[in-house]
PDB file of N, CA and C in Angstrom:
ATOM      1  N   UNK A   1      18.930  77.570  36.218  1.00  0.00           N
ATOM      2  CA  UNK A   1      17.959  77.658  37.284  1.00  0.00           C
ATOM      3  C   UNK A   1      17.858  76.297  37.965  1.00  0.00           C
ATOM      4  N   UNK A   2      17.933  76.288  39.273  1.00  0.00           N
ATOM      5  CA  UNK A   2      17.895  75.026  40.011  1.00  0.00           C
ATOM      6  C   UNK A   2      16.457  74.533  40.173  1.00  0.00           C
ATOM      7  N   UNK A   3      16.336  73.275  40.529  1.00  0.00           N
ATOM      8  CA  UNK A   3      15.014  72.693  40.750  1.00  0.00           C
ATOM      9  C   UNK A   3      14.289  73.423  41.881  1.00  0.00           C
ATOM     10  N   UNK A   4      15.017  73.812  42.907  1.00  0.00           N
ATOM     11  CA  UNK A   4      14.433  74.537  44.029  1.00  0.00           C
ATOM     12  C   UNK A   4      13.867  75.885  43.569  1.00  0.00           C
ATOM     13  N   UNK A   5      14.587  76.586  42.706  1.00  0.00           N
ATOM     14  CA  UNK A   5      14.125  77.877  42.190  1.00  0.00           C
ATOM     15  C   UNK A   5      12.898  77.707  41.295  1.00  0.00           C
ATOM     16  N   UNK A   6      12.903  76.672  40.482  1.00  0.00           N
ATOM     17  CA  UNK A   6      11.755  76.400  39.614  1.00  0.00           C
ATOM     18  C   UNK A   6      10.520  76.121  40.455  1.00  0.00           C
ATOM     19  N   UNK A   7      10.687  75.266  41.456  1.00  0.00           N
ATOM     20  CA  UNK A   7       9.564  74.894  42.325  1.00  0.00           C
ATOM     21  C   UNK A   7       9.013  76.117  43.053  1.00  0.00           C
ATOM     22  N   UNK A   8       9.891  76.991  43.536  1.00  0.00           N
ATOM     23  CA  UNK A   8       9.462  78.205  44.228  1.00  0.00           C
ATOM     24  C   UNK A   8       8.670  79.107  43.285  1.00  0.00           C
ATOM     25  N   UNK A   9       9.142  79.239  42.049  1.00  0.00           N
ATOM     26  CA  UNK A   9       8.433  80.053  41.059  1.00  0.00           C
ATOM     27  C   UNK A   9       7.046  79.519  40.762  1.00  0.00           C
ATOM     28  N   UNK A  10       6.919  78.207  40.641  1.00  0.00           N
ATOM     29  CA  UNK A  10       5.612  77.583  40.388  1.00  0.00           C
ATOM     30  C   UNK A  10       4.686  77.824  41.566  1.00  0.00           C
ATOM     31  N   UNK A  11       5.188  77.659  42.775  1.00  0.00           N
ATOM     32  CA  UNK A  11       4.365  77.880  43.972  1.00  0.00           C
ATOM     33  C   UNK A  11       3.864  79.322  44.036  1.00  0.00           C
ATOM     34  N   UNK A  12       4.718  80.276  43.688  1.00  0.00           N
ATOM     35  CA  UNK A  12       4.318  81.686  43.702  1.00  0.00           C
ATOM     36  C   UNK A  12       3.192  81.946  42.704  1.00  0.00           C
ATOM     37  N   UNK A  13       3.276  81.340  41.538  1.00  0.00           N
ATOM     38  CA  UNK A  13       2.223  81.500  40.530  1.00  0.00           C
ATOM     39  C   UNK A  13       0.914  80.928  41.050  1.00  0.00           C
ATOM     40  N   UNK A  14       0.972  79.743  41.654  1.00  0.00           N
ATOM     41  CA  UNK A  14      -0.244  79.107  42.162  1.00  0.00           C
ATOM     42  C   UNK A  14      -0.861  79.884  43.320  1.00  0.00           C
ATOM     43  N   UNK A  15      -0.042  80.516  44.149  1.00  0.00           N
ATOM     44  CA  UNK A  15      -0.542  81.277  45.289  1.00  0.00           C
ATOM     45  C   UNK A  15      -1.306  82.530  44.864  1.00  0.00           C
ATOM     46  N   UNK A  16      -1.019  83.033  43.664  1.00  0.00           N
ATOM     47  CA  UNK A  16      -1.719  84.222  43.175  1.00  0.00           C
ATOM     48  C   UNK A  16      -3.176  83.942  42.873  1.00  0.00           C
ATOM     49  N   UNK A  17      -3.535  82.689  42.718  1.00  0.00           N
ATOM     50  CA  UNK A  17      -4.914  82.336  42.400  1.00  0.00           C
ATOM     51  C   UNK A  17      -5.175  82.450  40.912  1.00  0.00           C
ATOM     52  N   UNK A  18      -6.448  82.400  40.548  1.00  0.00           N
ATOM     53  CA  UNK A  18      -6.823  82.421  39.145  1.00  0.00           C
ATOM     54  C   UNK A  18      -8.078  83.241  38.943  1.00  0.00           C
ATOM     55  N   UNK A  19      -8.306  83.640  37.710  1.00  0.00           N
ATOM     56  CA  UNK A  19      -9.517  84.377  37.368  1.00  0.00           C
ATOM     57  C   UNK A  19     -10.401  83.489  36.495  1.00  0.00           C
ATOM     58  N   UNK A  20     -11.622  83.929  36.313  1.00  0.00           N
ATOM     59  CA  UNK A  20     -12.611  83.146  35.567  1.00  0.00           C
ATOM     60  C   UNK A  20     -12.146  82.839  34.142  1.00  0.00           C
ATOM     61  N   UNK A  21     -11.423  83.766  33.528  1.00  0.00           N
ATOM     62  CA  UNK A  21     -11.003  83.551  32.144  1.00  0.00           C
ATOM     63  C   UNK A  21      -9.843  82.570  32.018  1.00  0.00           C
ATOM     64  N   UNK A  22      -9.322  82.080  33.127  1.00  0.00           N
ATOM     65  CA  UNK A  22      -8.233  81.102  33.086  1.00  0.00           C
ATOM     66  C   UNK A  22      -8.732  79.669  33.239  1.00  0.00           C
ATOM     67  N   UNK A  23     -10.045  79.485  33.215  1.00  0.00           N
ATOM     68  CA  UNK A  23     -10.622  78.153  33.353  1.00  0.00           C
ATOM     69  C   UNK A  23     -10.814  77.537  31.970  1.00  0.00           C
ATOM     70  N   UNK A  24     -10.266  76.343  31.784  1.00  0.00           N
ATOM     71  CA  UNK A  24     -10.465  75.600  30.541  1.00  0.00           C
ATOM     72  C   UNK A  24     -11.697  74.733  30.776  1.00  0.00           C
ATOM     73  N   UNK A  25     -12.808  75.130  30.176  1.00  0.00           N
ATOM     74  CA  UNK A  25     -14.074  74.465  30.479  1.00  0.00           C
ATOM     75  C   UNK A  25     -14.317  73.211  29.646  1.00  0.00           C
ATOM     76  N   UNK A  26     -13.624  73.086  28.536  1.00  0.00           N
ATOM     77  CA  UNK A  26     -13.817  71.909  27.693  1.00  0.00           C
ATOM     78  C   UNK A  26     -12.472  71.280  27.347  1.00  0.00           C
ATOM     79  N   UNK A  27     -11.891  70.562  28.295  1.00  0.00           N
ATOM     80  CA  UNK A  27     -10.604  69.916  28.020  1.00  0.00           C
ATOM     81  C   UNK A  27     -10.723  68.933  26.862  1.00  0.00           C
ATOM     82  N   UNK A  28      -9.666  68.845  26.071  1.00  0.00           N
ATOM     83  CA  UNK A  28      -9.678  67.944  24.911  1.00  0.00           C
ATOM     84  C   UNK A  28      -9.859  66.487  25.309  1.00  0.00           C
ATOM     85  N   UNK A  29      -9.325  66.102  26.451  1.00  0.00           N
ATOM     86  CA  UNK A  29      -9.403  64.701  26.873  1.00  0.00           C
ATOM     87  C   UNK A  29     -10.771  64.347  27.440  1.00  0.00           C
ATOM     88  N   UNK A  30     -11.654  65.340  27.570  1.00  0.00           N
ATOM     89  CA  UNK A  30     -12.988  65.074  28.090  1.00  0.00           C
ATOM     90  C   UNK A  30     -13.021  64.973  29.603  1.00  0.00           C
ATOM     91  N   UNK A  31     -11.975  65.396  30.279  1.00  0.00           N
ATOM     92  CA  UNK A  31     -11.923  65.324  31.737  1.00  0.00           C
ATOM     93  C   UNK A  31     -12.560  66.533  32.402  1.00  0.00           C
ATOM     94  N   UNK A  32     -12.219  66.726  33.650  1.00  0.00           N
ATOM     95  CA  UNK A  32     -12.749  67.842  34.427  1.00  0.00           C
ATOM     96  C   UNK A  32     -12.187  69.174  33.944  1.00  0.00           C
ATOM     97  N   UNK A  33     -12.947  70.251  34.152  1.00  0.00           N
ATOM     98  CA  UNK A  33     -12.402  71.579  33.865  1.00  0.00           C
ATOM     99  C   UNK A  33     -11.165  71.817  34.736  1.00  0.00           C
ATOM    100  N   UNK A  34     -10.274  72.641  34.267  1.00  0.00           N
ATOM    101  CA  UNK A  34      -9.076  72.944  35.034  1.00  0.00           C
ATOM    102  C   UNK A  34      -8.652  74.386  34.785  1.00  0.00           C
ATOM    103  N   UNK A  35      -7.731  74.843  35.586  1.00  0.00           N
ATOM    104  CA  UNK A  35      -7.219  76.199  35.481  1.00  0.00           C
ATOM    105  C   UNK A  35      -5.919  76.169  34.694  1.00  0.00           C
ATOM    106  N   UNK A  36      -5.747  77.119  33.773  1.00  0.00           N
ATOM    107  CA  UNK A  36      -4.524  77.234  32.979  1.00  0.00           C
ATOM    108  C   UNK A  36      -4.021  78.671  33.086  1.00  0.00           C
ATOM    109  N   UNK A  37      -2.871  78.847  33.715  1.00  0.00           N
ATOM    110  CA  UNK A  37      -2.303  80.168  33.936  1.00  0.00           C
ATOM    111  C   UNK A  37      -1.095  80.351  33.015  1.00  0.00           C
ATOM    112  N   UNK A  38      -1.125  81.403  32.215  1.00  0.00           N
ATOM    113  CA  UNK A  38      -0.022  81.697  31.307  1.00  0.00           C
ATOM    114  C   UNK A  38       1.215  82.055  32.125  1.00  0.00           C
ATOM    115  N   UNK A  39       2.333  81.382  31.855  1.00  0.00           N
ATOM    116  CA  UNK A  39       3.574  81.665  32.594  1.00  0.00           C
ATOM    117  C   UNK A  39       4.660  82.275  31.708  1.00  0.00           C
ATOM    118  N   UNK A  40       4.474  82.241  30.407  1.00  0.00           N
ATOM    119  CA  UNK A  40       5.456  82.827  29.510  1.00  0.00           C
ATOM    120  C   UNK A  40       5.593  82.020  28.238  1.00  0.00           C
ATOM    121  N   UNK A  41       6.449  82.512  27.370  1.00  0.00           N
ATOM    122  CA  UNK A  41       6.688  81.775  26.132  1.00  0.00           C
ATOM    123  C   UNK A  41       7.826  80.789  26.359  1.00  0.00           C
ATOM    124  N   UNK A  42       7.907  79.814  25.499  1.00  0.00           N
ATOM    125  CA  UNK A  42       8.993  78.840  25.580  1.00  0.00           C
ATOM    126  C   UNK A  42      10.329  79.569  25.537  1.00  0.00           C
ATOM    127  N   UNK A  43      10.418  80.579  24.676  1.00  0.00           N
ATOM    128  CA  UNK A  43      11.681  81.306  24.528  1.00  0.00           C
ATOM    129  C   UNK A  43      12.070  82.079  25.786  1.00  0.00           C
ATOM    130  N   UNK A  44      11.077  82.597  26.514  1.00  0.00           N
ATOM    131  CA  UNK A  44      11.403  83.349  27.728  1.00  0.00           C
ATOM    132  C   UNK A  44      11.757  82.426  28.897  1.00  0.00           C
ATOM    133  N   UNK A  45      11.272  81.191  28.876  1.00  0.00           N
ATOM    134  CA  UNK A  45      11.542  80.249  29.958  1.00  0.00           C
ATOM    135  C   UNK A  45      12.782  79.390  29.699  1.00  0.00           C
ATOM    136  N   UNK A  46      13.037  79.080  28.456  1.00  0.00           N
ATOM    137  CA  UNK A  46      14.140  78.195  28.085  1.00  0.00           C
ATOM    138  C   UNK A  46      15.494  78.858  28.362  1.00  0.00           C
ATOM    139  N   UNK A  47      16.413  78.137  28.978  1.00  0.00           N
ATOM    140  CA  UNK A  47      17.736  78.712  29.268  1.00  0.00           C
ATOM    141  C   UNK A  47      18.479  79.222  28.029  1.00  0.00           C
ATOM    142  N   UNK A  48      18.241  78.600  26.882  1.00  0.00           N
ATOM    143  CA  UNK A  48      18.900  79.034  25.640  1.00  0.00           C
ATOM    144  C   UNK A  48      18.093  80.108  24.916  1.00  0.00           C
ATOM    145  N   UNK A  49      16.852  80.337  25.373  1.00  0.00           N
ATOM    146  CA  UNK A  49      16.007  81.322  24.721  1.00  0.00           C
ATOM    147  C   UNK A  49      15.504  80.893  23.360  1.00  0.00           C
ATOM    148  N   UNK A  50      15.374  79.568  23.150  1.00  0.00           N
ATOM    149  CA  UNK A  50      14.952  79.052  21.851  1.00  0.00           C
ATOM    150  C   UNK A  50      13.781  78.088  22.008  1.00  0.00           C
ATOM    151  N   UNK A  51      13.079  77.919  20.901  1.00  0.00           N
ATOM    152  CA  UNK A  51      12.083  76.862  20.785  1.00  0.00           C
ATOM    153  C   UNK A  51      12.799  75.692  20.137  1.00  0.00           C
ATOM    154  N   UNK A  52      12.848  74.562  20.801  1.00  0.00           N
ATOM    155  CA  UNK A  52      13.583  73.400  20.300  1.00  0.00           C
ATOM    156  C   UNK A  52      12.636  72.467  19.550  1.00  0.00           C
ATOM    157  N   UNK A  53      12.603  72.617  18.260  1.00  0.00           N
ATOM    158  CA  UNK A  53      11.777  71.754  17.429  1.00  0.00           C
ATOM    159  C   UNK A  53      12.440  70.385  17.338  1.00  0.00           C
ATOM    160  N   UNK A  54      11.637  69.347  17.331  1.00  0.00           N
ATOM    161  CA  UNK A  54      12.166  67.980  17.338  1.00  0.00           C
ATOM    162  C   UNK A  54      13.059  67.691  16.121  1.00  0.00           C
ATOM    163  N   UNK A  55      12.808  68.357  15.009  1.00  0.00           N
ATOM    164  CA  UNK A  55      13.586  68.117  13.805  1.00  0.00           C
ATOM    165  C   UNK A  55      14.704  69.138  13.606  1.00  0.00           C
ATOM    166  N   UNK A  56      14.906  69.985  14.592  1.00  0.00           N
ATOM    167  CA  UNK A  56      15.909  71.045  14.476  1.00  0.00           C
ATOM    168  C   UNK A  56      17.317  70.459  14.376  1.00  0.00           C
ATOM    169  N   UNK A  57      18.104  70.950  13.426  1.00  0.00           N
ATOM    170  CA  UNK A  57      19.483  70.460  13.307  1.00  0.00           C
ATOM    171  C   UNK A  57      20.363  70.932  14.475  1.00  0.00           C
ATOM    172  N   UNK A  58      19.931  71.976  15.174  1.00  0.00           N
ATOM    173  CA  UNK A  58      20.703  72.495  16.305  1.00  0.00           C
ATOM    174  C   UNK A  58      20.587  71.611  17.541  1.00  0.00           C
ATOM    175  N   UNK A  59      19.497  70.869  17.628  1.00  0.00           N
ATOM    176  CA  UNK A  59      19.307  69.985  18.772  1.00  0.00           C
ATOM    177  C   UNK A  59      19.033  70.730  20.068  1.00  0.00           C
ATOM    178  N   UNK A  60      18.868  69.968  21.114  1.00  0.00           N
ATOM    179  CA  UNK A  60      18.601  70.517  22.436  1.00  0.00           C
ATOM    180  C   UNK A  60      19.865  70.375  23.271  1.00  0.00           C
ATOM    181  N   UNK A  61      20.226  71.436  23.977  1.00  0.00           N
ATOM    182  CA  UNK A  61      21.395  71.359  24.836  1.00  0.00           C
ATOM    183  C   UNK A  61      21.054  70.611  26.116  1.00  0.00           C
ATOM    184  N   UNK A  62      22.048  70.078  26.774  1.00  0.00           N
ATOM    185  CA  UNK A  62      21.826  69.378  28.043  1.00  0.00           C
ATOM    186  C   UNK A  62      21.246  70.327  29.085  1.00  0.00           C
ATOM    187  N   UNK A  63      21.682  71.583  29.041  1.00  0.00           N
ATOM    188  CA  UNK A  63      21.180  72.589  29.984  1.00  0.00           C
ATOM    189  C   UNK A  63      19.675  72.784  29.816  1.00  0.00           C
ATOM    190  N   UNK A  64      19.216  72.886  28.571  1.00  0.00           N
ATOM    191  CA  UNK A  64      17.792  73.073  28.303  1.00  0.00           C
ATOM    192  C   UNK A  64      16.997  71.813  28.648  1.00  0.00           C
ATOM    193  N   UNK A  65      17.540  70.680  28.283  1.00  0.00           N
ATOM    194  CA  UNK A  65      16.871  69.418  28.582  1.00  0.00           C
ATOM    195  C   UNK A  65      16.708  69.233  30.092  1.00  0.00           C
ATOM    196  N   UNK A  66      17.755  69.553  30.830  1.00  0.00           N
ATOM    197  CA  UNK A  66      17.707  69.466  32.292  1.00  0.00           C
ATOM    198  C   UNK A  66      16.648  70.420  32.857  1.00  0.00           C
ATOM    199  N   UNK A  67      16.595  71.638  32.305  1.00  0.00           N
ATOM    200  CA  UNK A  67      15.616  72.623  32.786  1.00  0.00           C
ATOM    201  C   UNK A  67      14.184  72.101  32.587  1.00  0.00           C
ATOM    202  N   UNK A  68      13.852  71.662  31.381  1.00  0.00           N
ATOM    203  CA  UNK A  68      12.482  71.218  31.105  1.00  0.00           C
ATOM    204  C   UNK A  68      12.132  69.940  31.868  1.00  0.00           C
ATOM    205  N   UNK A  69      13.090  69.054  32.064  1.00  0.00           N
ATOM    206  CA  UNK A  69      12.841  67.868  32.898  1.00  0.00           C
ATOM    207  C   UNK A  69      12.578  68.279  34.346  1.00  0.00           C
ATOM    208  N   UNK A  70      13.356  69.233  34.864  1.00  0.00           N
ATOM    209  CA  UNK A  70      13.141  69.736  36.225  1.00  0.00           C
ATOM    210  C   UNK A  70      11.814  70.470  36.336  1.00  0.00           C
ATOM    211  N   UNK A  71      11.467  71.247  35.322  1.00  0.00           N
ATOM    212  CA  UNK A  71      10.200  71.979  35.323  1.00  0.00           C
ATOM    213  C   UNK A  71       9.032  70.994  35.420  1.00  0.00           C
ATOM    214  N   UNK A  72       9.083  69.945  34.609  1.00  0.00           N
ATOM    215  CA  UNK A  72       8.022  68.945  34.630  1.00  0.00           C
ATOM    216  C   UNK A  72       7.983  68.199  35.973  1.00  0.00           C
ATOM    217  N   UNK A  73       9.149  67.842  36.505  1.00  0.00           N
ATOM    218  CA  UNK A  73       9.207  67.143  37.794  1.00  0.00           C
ATOM    219  C   UNK A  73       8.645  68.011  38.914  1.00  0.00           C
ATOM    220  N   UNK A  74       8.968  69.298  38.906  1.00  0.00           N
ATOM    221  CA  UNK A  74       8.452  70.214  39.931  1.00  0.00           C
ATOM    222  C   UNK A  74       6.934  70.344  39.836  1.00  0.00           C
ATOM    223  N   UNK A  75       6.427  70.424  38.612  1.00  0.00           N
ATOM    224  CA  UNK A  75       4.973  70.476  38.423  1.00  0.00           C
ATOM    225  C   UNK A  75       4.319  69.231  39.013  1.00  0.00           C
ATOM    226  N   UNK A  76       4.880  68.080  38.714  1.00  0.00           N
ATOM    227  CA  UNK A  76       4.320  66.823  39.222  1.00  0.00           C
ATOM    228  C   UNK A  76       4.341  66.763  40.746  1.00  0.00           C
ATOM    229  N   UNK A  77       5.389  67.284  41.355  1.00  0.00           N
ATOM    230  CA  UNK A  77       5.493  67.281  42.817  1.00  0.00           C
ATOM    231  C   UNK A  77       4.426  68.158  43.464  1.00  0.00           C
ATOM    232  N   UNK A  78       3.971  69.167  42.761  1.00  0.00           N
ATOM    233  CA  UNK A  78       2.985  70.111  43.312  1.00  0.00           C
ATOM    234  C   UNK A  78       1.581  69.787  42.783  1.00  0.00           C
ATOM    235  N   UNK A  79       1.412  68.653  42.144  1.00  0.00           N
ATOM    236  CA  UNK A  79       0.120  68.218  41.605  1.00  0.00           C
ATOM    237  C   UNK A  79      -0.421  69.151  40.524  1.00  0.00           C
ATOM    238  N   UNK A  80       0.436  69.544  39.610  1.00  0.00           N
ATOM    239  CA  UNK A  80      -0.003  70.314  38.455  1.00  0.00           C
ATOM    240  C   UNK A  80       0.784  69.825  37.251  1.00  0.00           C
ATOM    241  N   UNK A  81       0.567  70.428  36.125  1.00  0.00           N
ATOM    242  CA  UNK A  81       1.279  70.070  34.914  1.00  0.00           C
ATOM    243  C   UNK A  81       1.386  71.313  34.042  1.00  0.00           C
ATOM    244  N   UNK A  82       2.134  71.203  32.950  1.00  0.00           N
ATOM    245  CA  UNK A  82       2.185  72.330  32.032  1.00  0.00           C
ATOM    246  C   UNK A  82       1.779  71.891  30.643  1.00  0.00           C
ATOM    247  N   UNK A  83       1.205  72.831  29.909  1.00  0.00           N
ATOM    248  CA  UNK A  83       0.788  72.585  28.533  1.00  0.00           C
ATOM    249  C   UNK A  83       1.245  73.750  27.678  1.00  0.00           C
ATOM    250  N   UNK A  84       1.438  73.481  26.426  1.00  0.00           N
ATOM    251  CA  UNK A  84       1.794  74.529  25.474  1.00  0.00           C
ATOM    252  C   UNK A  84       0.687  74.641  24.432  1.00  0.00           C
ATOM    253  N   UNK A  85       0.460  75.855  23.976  1.00  0.00           N
ATOM    254  CA  UNK A  85      -0.437  76.059  22.846  1.00  0.00           C
ATOM    255  C   UNK A  85      -1.916  76.050  23.135  1.00  0.00           C
ATOM    256  N   UNK A  86      -2.333  76.314  24.360  1.00  0.00           N
ATOM    257  CA  UNK A  86      -3.764  76.294  24.661  1.00  0.00           C
ATOM    258  C   UNK A  86      -4.535  77.374  23.912  1.00  0.00           C
ATOM    259  N   UNK A  87      -3.873  78.464  23.594  1.00  0.00           N
ATOM    260  CA  UNK A  87      -4.542  79.561  22.890  1.00  0.00           C
ATOM    261  C   UNK A  87      -4.194  79.577  21.404  1.00  0.00           C
ATOM    262  N   UNK A  88      -3.590  78.505  20.922  1.00  0.00           N
ATOM    263  CA  UNK A  88      -3.249  78.407  19.518  1.00  0.00           C
ATOM    264  C   UNK A  88      -1.791  78.695  19.189  1.00  0.00           C
ATOM    265  N   UNK A  89      -1.061  79.299  20.115  1.00  0.00           N
ATOM    266  CA  UNK A  89       0.355  79.582  19.898  1.00  0.00           C
ATOM    267  C   UNK A  89       1.173  78.524  20.624  1.00  0.00           C
ATOM    268  N   UNK A  90       1.844  77.656  19.894  1.00  0.00           N
ATOM    269  CA  UNK A  90       2.587  76.552  20.497  1.00  0.00           C
ATOM    270  C   UNK A  90       3.738  77.006  21.378  1.00  0.00           C
ATOM    271  N   UNK A  91       4.109  78.267  21.296  1.00  0.00           N
ATOM    272  CA  UNK A  91       5.212  78.779  22.113  1.00  0.00           C
ATOM    273  C   UNK A  91       4.755  79.241  23.492  1.00  0.00           C
ATOM    274  N   UNK A  92       3.451  79.369  23.707  1.00  0.00           N
ATOM    275  CA  UNK A  92       2.939  79.815  25.003  1.00  0.00           C
ATOM    276  C   UNK A  92       2.847  78.640  25.971  1.00  0.00           C
ATOM    277  N   UNK A  93       3.349  78.848  27.193  1.00  0.00           N
ATOM    278  CA  UNK A  93       3.377  77.810  28.221  1.00  0.00           C
ATOM    279  C   UNK A  93       2.375  78.169  29.315  1.00  0.00           C
ATOM    280  N   UNK A  94       1.569  77.199  29.704  1.00  0.00           N
ATOM    281  CA  UNK A  94       0.565  77.387  30.735  1.00  0.00           C
ATOM    282  C   UNK A  94       0.786  76.403  31.869  1.00  0.00           C
ATOM    283  N   UNK A  95       0.678  76.888  33.089  1.00  0.00           N
ATOM    284  CA  UNK A  95       0.718  76.051  34.274  1.00  0.00           C
ATOM    285  C   UNK A  95      -0.723  75.643  34.555  1.00  0.00           C
ATOM    286  N   UNK A  96      -1.000  74.355  34.649  1.00  0.00           N
ATOM    287  CA  UNK A  96      -2.366  73.845  34.755  1.00  0.00           C
ATOM    288  C   UNK A  96      -2.554  73.038  36.033  1.00  0.00           C
ATOM    289  N   UNK A  97      -3.745  73.162  36.593  1.00  0.00           N
ATOM    290  CA  UNK A  97      -4.086  72.361  37.770  1.00  0.00           C
ATOM    291  C   UNK A  97      -5.597  72.315  37.948  1.00  0.00           C
ATOM    292  N   UNK A  98      -6.048  71.325  38.699  1.00  0.00           N
ATOM    293  CA  UNK A  98      -7.460  71.219  39.050  1.00  0.00           C
ATOM    294  C   UNK A  98      -7.596  71.769  40.460  1.00  0.00           C
ATOM    295  N   UNK A  99      -8.330  72.871  40.624  1.00  0.00           N
ATOM    296  CA  UNK A  99      -8.444  73.481  41.952  1.00  0.00           C
ATOM    297  C   UNK A  99      -9.244  72.616  42.912  1.00  0.00           C
ATOM    298  N   UNK A 100      -8.974  72.812  44.197  1.00  0.00           N
ATOM    299  CA  UNK A 100      -9.676  72.040  45.232  1.00  0.00           C
ATOM    300  C   UNK A 100     -11.169  72.331  45.224  1.00  0.00           C
ATOM    301  N   UNK A 101     -11.545  73.561  44.896  1.00  0.00           N
ATOM    302  CA  UNK A 101     -12.954  73.949  44.922  1.00  0.00           C
ATOM    303  C   UNK A 101     -13.610  73.776  43.555  1.00  0.00           C
ATOM    304  N   UNK A 102     -13.280  72.702  42.856  1.00  0.00           N
ATOM    305  CA  UNK A 102     -13.779  72.469  41.506  1.00  0.00           C
ATOM    306  C   UNK A 102     -15.302  72.540  41.439  1.00  0.00           C
ATOM    307  N   UNK A 103     -15.987  72.032  42.455  1.00  0.00           N
ATOM    308  CA  UNK A 103     -17.447  72.036  42.460  1.00  0.00           C
ATOM    309  C   UNK A 103     -18.019  73.445  42.520  1.00  0.00           C
ATOM    310  N   UNK A 104     -17.241  74.403  43.038  1.00  0.00           N
ATOM    311  CA  UNK A 104     -17.726  75.771  43.190  1.00  0.00           C
ATOM    312  C   UNK A 104     -17.446  76.637  41.968  1.00  0.00           C
ATOM    313  N   UNK A 105     -16.675  76.127  41.035  1.00  0.00           N
ATOM    314  CA  UNK A 105     -16.316  76.918  39.860  1.00  0.00           C
ATOM    315  C   UNK A 105     -17.530  77.093  38.954  1.00  0.00           C
ATOM    316  N   UNK A 106     -17.756  78.323  38.555  1.00  0.00           N
ATOM    317  CA  UNK A 106     -18.830  78.621  37.612  1.00  0.00           C
ATOM    318  C   UNK A 106     -18.178  78.720  36.239  1.00  0.00           C
ATOM    319  N   UNK A 107     -18.524  77.800  35.391  1.00  0.00           N
ATOM    320  CA  UNK A 107     -17.931  77.772  34.055  1.00  0.00           C
ATOM    321  C   UNK A 107     -18.726  78.705  33.155  1.00  0.00           C
ATOM    322  N   UNK A 108     -18.058  79.675  32.545  1.00  0.00           N
ATOM    323  CA  UNK A 108     -18.785  80.607  31.674  1.00  0.00           C
ATOM    324  C   UNK A 108     -19.387  79.892  30.490  1.00  0.00           C
ATOM    325  N   UNK A 109     -20.606  80.276  30.136  1.00  0.00           N
ATOM    326  CA  UNK A 109     -21.279  79.657  29.004  1.00  0.00           C
ATOM    327  C   UNK A 109     -20.773  80.291  27.723  1.00  0.00           C
ATOM    328  N   UNK A 110     -20.716  79.490  26.664  1.00  0.00           N
ATOM    329  CA  UNK A 110     -20.273  79.991  25.374  1.00  0.00           C
ATOM    330  C   UNK A 110     -21.373  80.854  24.773  1.00  0.00           C
ATOM    331  N   UNK A 111     -20.938  81.912  24.116  1.00  0.00           N
ATOM    332  CA  UNK A 111     -21.883  82.775  23.448  1.00  0.00           C
ATOM    333  C   UNK A 111     -22.249  82.153  22.104  1.00  0.00           C
ATOM    334  N   UNK A 112     -23.516  82.220  21.786  1.00  0.00           N
ATOM    335  CA  UNK A 112     -23.985  81.690  20.504  1.00  0.00           C
ATOM    336  C   UNK A 112     -23.647  82.692  19.411  1.00  0.00           C
ATOM    337  N   UNK A 113     -23.220  82.201  18.268  1.00  0.00           N
ATOM    338  CA  UNK A 113     -22.898  83.087  17.145  1.00  0.00           C
ATOM    339  C   UNK A 113     -24.126  83.356  16.313  1.00  0.00           C
TER     340      UNK A 113
END
């Protein structure tokens, strides 16, 4: 997948907008709330269809490394980023950004147990 195709795919996801349940109201870094949209699993996005663990004896192919570097560069160009594991599954990839209307976002309150 070329950088142009990756960038187009990211733009299409962002154009769809977001729903209330995609707002991360308590970021770990203590920053502003942001939107996190699920885009797929690492295996579905990776050109090799694998999760490349840092200690894996198989290593990362140049094709996969190029893809993830391009994916990150495209995110940066569009003022967003990606994160893995927001819902507890490290294989899930989320496209994240701070929306322009941040002040208008109503953050859902946590239910008391």
